[in-house]
């Protein structure tokens, strides 16, 4: 598979988000915000993958835009 910086970084970020989620649930007993950060943080990579597999520039732009919004939400 061809190297893709966005894919690699979003995957690494998703792994960190999962670790953060586990920490928040196990150590801090926090369940509401941790679920939301898990959803938005892992959604970034899913949308980047969809963008990579898009069939048009318009579809690519739409999926990357969603990934960007998820990244902002996670932040």
Protein backbone atom coordinates (compact mmCIF):
# COMPACT_ATOMS: atom_id res chain seq x y z
CA UNK A 1 0.00 0.00 0.00
CA UNK A 2 1.29 3.44 -0.93
CA UNK A 3 2.45 5.66 1.95
CA UNK A 4 -0.05 8.35 2.94
CA UNK A 5 0.86 10.82 5.68
CA UNK A 6 -2.75 11.75 6.47
CA UNK A 7 -3.73 8.07 6.79
CA UNK A 8 -0.71 7.25 8.94
CA UNK A 9 -1.16 10.21 11.26
CA UNK A 10 -4.90 9.76 11.65
CA UNK A 11 -4.35 6.09 12.48
CA UNK A 12 -1.69 6.90 15.08
CA UNK A 13 -3.97 9.57 16.52
CA UNK A 14 -6.87 7.11 16.75
CA UNK A 15 -4.67 4.72 18.73
CA UNK A 16 -3.79 7.52 21.15
CA UNK A 17 -7.46 8.46 21.48
CA UNK A 18 -8.35 4.86 22.37
CA UNK A 19 -5.65 4.86 25.05
CA UNK A 20 -6.97 8.17 26.40
CA UNK A 21 -10.49 6.75 26.45
CA UNK A 22 -9.35 3.71 28.43
CA UNK A 23 -7.47 5.95 30.86
CA UNK A 24 -10.45 8.23 31.41
CA UNK A 25 -12.84 5.33 31.97
CA UNK A 26 -10.55 3.16 34.10
CA UNK A 27 -8.78 5.81 36.16
CA UNK A 28 -11.09 8.81 36.28
CA UNK A 29 -14.41 6.97 35.95
CA UNK A 30 -15.45 9.46 33.27
CA UNK A 31 -17.93 8.03 30.78
CA UNK A 32 -19.80 10.77 28.91
CA UNK A 33 -17.05 12.97 27.46
CA UNK A 34 -14.72 10.02 27.00
CA UNK A 35 -17.25 8.34 24.70
CA UNK A 36 -17.56 11.48 22.62
CA UNK A 37 -13.79 11.94 22.25
CA UNK A 38 -13.55 8.27 21.26
CA UNK A 39 -16.19 8.74 18.54
CA UNK A 40 -14.84 11.98 17.11
CA UNK A 41 -11.17 11.03 17.45
CA UNK A 42 -11.51 7.73 15.64
CA UNK A 43 -13.87 9.18 13.04
CA UNK A 44 -11.05 11.30 11.62
CA UNK A 45 -9.22 8.29 10.23
CA UNK A 46 -12.41 6.71 8.92
CA UNK A 47 -13.18 9.85 6.93
CA UNK A 48 -9.60 10.12 5.66
CA UNK A 49 -9.89 6.53 4.41
CA UNK A 50 -13.18 7.36 2.69
CA UNK A 51 -11.57 10.41 1.09
CA UNK A 52 -8.69 8.32 -0.22
CA UNK A 53 -11.18 5.94 -1.82
CA UNK A 54 -13.39 8.67 -3.25
CA UNK A 55 -14.40 8.72 -6.90
CA UNK A 56 -14.31 12.45 -7.51
CA UNK A 57 -12.60 15.61 -6.30
CA UNK A 58 -15.92 16.82 -4.91
CA UNK A 59 -16.38 13.64 -2.86
CA UNK A 60 -12.75 13.82 -1.70
CA UNK A 61 -13.24 17.41 -0.55
CA UNK A 62 -16.41 16.52 1.30
CA UNK A 63 -14.82 13.62 3.20
CA UNK A 64 -11.68 15.59 4.07
CA UNK A 65 -13.90 18.43 5.29
CA UNK A 66 -15.73 16.03 7.59
CA UNK A 67 -12.40 14.69 8.90
CA UNK A 68 -11.30 18.28 9.60
CA UNK A 69 -14.52 19.01 11.50
CA UNK A 70 -14.09 15.85 13.57
CA UNK A 71 -10.52 16.90 14.36
CA UNK A 72 -11.75 20.30 15.54
CA UNK A 73 -14.44 18.66 17.66
CA UNK A 74 -11.89 16.34 19.22
CA UNK A 75 -9.63 19.30 19.97
